[in-house]
C-alpha atoms as a PDB file:
ATOM      1  CA  MET A   1     -17.324  -4.722   6.865  1.00  0.00           C
ATOM      2  CA  GLU A   2     -16.841  -4.704   3.056  1.00  0.00           C
ATOM      3  CA  TRP A   3     -17.641  -1.585   1.093  1.00  0.00           C
ATOM      4  CA  LYS A   4     -19.557  -1.866  -2.151  1.00  0.00           C
ATOM      5  CA  TRP A   5     -19.038   1.435  -4.029  1.00  0.00           C
ATOM      6  CA  SER A   6     -19.447   2.293  -7.701  1.00  0.00           C
ATOM      7  CA  ASP A   7     -16.303   3.194  -9.520  1.00  0.00           C
ATOM      8  CA  ASP A   8     -17.476   6.769  -9.693  1.00  0.00           C
ATOM      9  CA  ASP A   9     -18.200   6.962  -5.945  1.00  0.00           C
ATOM     10  CA  LEU A  10     -14.740   5.370  -5.344  1.00  0.00           C
ATOM     11  CA  ILE A  11     -12.944   7.943  -7.486  1.00  0.00           C
ATOM     12  CA  GLU A  12     -14.894  10.781  -5.752  1.00  0.00           C
ATOM     13  CA  ARG A  13     -13.880   9.489  -2.371  1.00  0.00           C
ATOM     14  CA  PHE A  14     -10.264   9.103  -3.563  1.00  0.00           C
ATOM     15  CA  ASN A  15     -10.162  12.665  -4.694  1.00  0.00           C
ATOM     16  CA  GLN A  16     -11.617  13.801  -1.382  1.00  0.00           C
ATOM     17  CA  LEU A  17      -8.902  11.903   0.506  1.00  0.00           C
ATOM     18  CA  SER A  18      -6.314  13.314  -1.771  1.00  0.00           C
ATOM     19  CA  ARG A  19      -7.513  16.843  -1.164  1.00  0.00           C
ATOM     20  CA  GLN A  20      -7.469  16.255   2.647  1.00  0.00           C
ATOM     21  CA  GLU A  21      -3.936  14.928   2.567  1.00  0.00           C
ATOM     22  CA  ARG A  22      -2.690  17.801   0.355  1.00  0.00           C
ATOM     23  CA  ALA A  23      -4.277  20.368   2.699  1.00  0.00           C
ATOM     24  CA  LYS A  24      -1.886  19.073   5.377  1.00  0.00           C
ATOM     25  CA  PHE A  25       1.071  20.339   3.350  1.00  0.00           C
ATOM     26  CA  ASN A  26       2.490  23.689   3.855  1.00  0.00           C
ATOM     27  CA  ILE A  27       5.326  25.598   2.175  1.00  0.00           C
ATOM     28  CA  GLU A  28       7.735  26.536   4.809  1.00  0.00           C
ATOM     29  CA  LEU A  29      11.486  26.912   4.625  1.00  0.00           C
ATOM     30  CA  LEU A  30      13.852  24.992   6.874  1.00  0.00           C
ATOM     31  CA  ARG A  31      13.702  26.016  10.491  1.00  0.00           C
ATOM     32  CA  ASN A  32      15.202  24.763  13.574  1.00  0.00           C
ATOM     33  CA  PHE A  33      13.890  24.241  17.097  1.00  0.00           C
ATOM     34  CA  ASN A  34      16.143  24.974  20.038  1.00  0.00           C
ATOM     35  CA  ASN A  35      19.091  25.001  17.603  1.00  0.00           C
ATOM     36  CA  VAL A  36      18.368  21.390  16.480  1.00  0.00           C
ATOM     37  CA  ASP A  37      17.195  20.769  12.965  1.00  0.00           C
ATOM     38  CA  LEU A  38      14.374  18.267  13.040  1.00  0.00           C
ATOM     39  CA  HIS A  39      13.527  16.452   9.838  1.00  0.00           C
ATOM     40  CA  TYR A  40      10.399  14.407   9.405  1.00  0.00           C
ATOM     41  CA  THR A  41       8.960  12.996   6.171  1.00  0.00           C
ATOM     42  CA  VAL A  42       5.481  11.674   5.765  1.00  0.00           C
ATOM     43  CA  VAL A  43       4.627   9.476   2.753  1.00  0.00           C
ATOM     44  CA  THR A  44       1.031   8.807   1.913  1.00  0.00           C
ATOM     45  CA  ILE A  45       0.010   6.234  -0.603  1.00  0.00           C
ATOM     46  CA  LEU A  46      -3.631   6.494  -1.764  1.00  0.00           C
ATOM     47  CA  MET A  47      -5.061   3.664  -3.876  1.00  0.00           C
ATOM     48  CA  ALA A  48      -8.475   3.045  -5.246  1.00  0.00           C
ATOM     49  CA  ILE A  49      -8.643  -0.628  -6.141  1.00  0.00           C
ATOM     50  CA  LYS A  50     -11.449  -2.974  -6.966  1.00  0.00           C
ATOM     51  CA  SER A  51     -10.485  -5.595  -4.407  1.00  0.00           C
ATOM     52  CA  VAL A  52      -8.520  -5.055  -1.254  1.00  0.00           C
ATOM     53  CA  PRO A  53      -5.675  -7.469  -0.413  1.00  0.00           C
ATOM     54  CA  LYS A  54      -5.044  -8.566   3.159  1.00  0.00           C
ATOM     55  CA  VAL A  55      -2.333  -6.519   4.638  1.00  0.00           C
ATOM     56  CA  PRO A  56      -0.744  -6.716   8.137  1.00  0.00           C
ATOM     57  CA  ALA A  57      -0.951  -4.020  10.781  1.00  0.00           C
ATOM     58  CA  ILE A  58       2.015  -1.784  10.540  1.00  0.00           C
ATOM     59  CA  ARG A  59       4.226  -2.221  13.539  1.00  0.00           C
ATOM     60  CA  SER A  60       7.653  -2.252  12.031  1.00  0.00           C
ATOM     61  CA  THR A  61       9.604  -1.314   8.957  1.00  0.00           C
ATOM     62  CA  ASN A  62       9.433  -4.907   7.796  1.00  0.00           C
ATOM     63  CA  ASP A  63       5.587  -4.621   7.846  1.00  0.00           C
ATOM     64  CA  VAL A  64       5.900  -1.570   5.641  1.00  0.00           C
ATOM     65  CA  LYS A  65       8.128  -3.522   3.167  1.00  0.00           C
ATOM     66  CA  GLU A  66       5.675  -6.398   3.242  1.00  0.00           C
ATOM     67  CA  ILE A  67       2.706  -4.153   2.412  1.00  0.00           C
ATOM     68  CA  LEU A  68       4.647  -2.448  -0.356  1.00  0.00           C
ATOM     69  CA  GLN A  69       5.434  -5.843  -1.809  1.00  0.00           C
ATOM     70  CA  CYS A  70       1.790  -6.758  -1.589  1.00  0.00           C
ATOM     71  CA  LEU A  71       0.637  -3.536  -3.274  1.00  0.00           C
ATOM     72  CA  LYS A  72       3.011  -4.081  -6.205  1.00  0.00           C
ATOM     73  CA  THR A  73       1.371  -7.448  -6.929  1.00  0.00           C
ATOM     74  CA  ILE A  74      -2.128  -5.837  -7.475  1.00  0.00           C
ATOM     75  CA  ASP A  75      -3.193  -6.355 -11.081  1.00  0.00           C
ATOM     76  CA  ASN A  76      -3.068  -3.047 -13.001  1.00  0.00           C
ATOM     77  CA  CYS A  77      -6.671  -3.588 -14.178  1.00  0.00           C
ATOM     78  CA  LYS A  78      -7.928  -3.527 -10.549  1.00  0.00           C
ATOM     79  CA  ILE A  79      -6.264  -0.120  -9.846  1.00  0.00           C
ATOM     80  CA  LEU A  80      -8.669   2.767 -10.503  1.00  0.00           C
ATOM     81  CA  ALA A  81      -6.376   5.523  -9.039  1.00  0.00           C
ATOM     82  CA  LEU A  82      -3.019   5.679  -7.387  1.00  0.00           C
ATOM     83  CA  GLU A  83      -1.290   8.673  -5.815  1.00  0.00           C
ATOM     84  CA  VAL A  84       1.948   8.937  -3.824  1.00  0.00           C
ATOM     85  CA  LEU A  85       2.219  12.114  -1.829  1.00  0.00           C
ATOM     86  CA  TRP A  86       5.104  13.098   0.555  1.00  0.00           C
ATOM     87  CA  THR A  87       5.863  16.092   2.615  1.00  0.00           C
ATOM     88  CA  PRO A  88       7.960  18.011   2.823  1.00  0.00           C
ATOM     89  CA  GLN A  89       8.567  17.866  -0.949  1.00  0.00           C
ATOM     90  CA  ASP A  90      11.512  20.256  -1.032  1.00  0.00           C
ATOM     91  CA  GLU A  91      14.836  19.246   0.478  1.00  0.00           C
ATOM     92  CA  ASN A  92      14.949  22.665   2.275  1.00  0.00           C
ATOM     93  CA  ASP A  93      11.567  22.114   3.898  1.00  0.00           C
ATOM     94  CA  THR A  94      10.930  20.310   7.180  1.00  0.00           C
ATOM     95  CA  LEU A  95       8.073  19.335   9.389  1.00  0.00           C
ATOM     96  CA  SER A  96       8.392  20.175  13.070  1.00  0.00           C
ATOM     97  CA  GLU A  97       7.320  17.568  15.579  1.00  0.00           C
ATOM     98  CA  GLN A  98       4.330  19.706  16.503  1.00  0.00           C
ATOM     99  CA  GLU A  99       3.263  19.956  12.783  1.00  0.00           C
ATOM    100  CA  LEU A 100       3.717  16.223  12.447  1.00  0.00           C
ATOM    101  CA  LEU A 101       1.508  15.541  15.558  1.00  0.00           C
ATOM    102  CA  THR A 102      -1.104  18.193  14.512  1.00  0.00           C
ATOM    103  CA  ASN A 103      -1.471  17.207  10.871  1.00  0.00           C
ATOM    104  CA  TYR A 104      -1.124  13.431  11.345  1.00  0.00           C
ATOM    105  CA  PRO A 105      -2.730  12.601  14.696  1.00  0.00           C
ATOM    106  CA  SER A 106      -3.217   8.914  13.841  1.00  0.00           C
ATOM    107  CA  LEU A 107       0.482   8.306  13.126  1.00  0.00           C
ATOM    108  CA  ARG A 108       2.319   6.059  15.491  1.00  0.00           C
ATOM    109  CA  SER A 109       5.865   5.146  15.863  1.00  0.00           C
ATOM    110  CA  ILE A 110       7.076   1.892  14.325  1.00  0.00           C
ATOM    111  CA  THR A 111      10.118  -0.071  15.160  1.00  0.00           C
ATOM    112  CA  THR A 112      13.138  -0.415  12.893  1.00  0.00           C
ATOM    113  CA  SER A 113      13.669  -4.061  12.006  1.00  0.00           C
END
């Protein structure tokens, strides 16, 4: 299914998604669980573009690299908005496994290749 949205509707949806992602962030200092420090980082790339390139399903780190290469080839005039979010943002913050699973239920493990 292909979406046909106006630029204004697209930017409004982009901003809504950005707010949803930012709401998942919390400010919490480093903590450990059972005396083991767990560090997870989540990077979210939000793009509002006028045409969507074909990208593979993400199953490995190579797929992530391929998608990033694809995204960098998008003509600037087609990009309406771009935001890169990551959490935790401070080197002294961390996400516990439970926070990761709660805030990002659609995440799945990928293989390192």
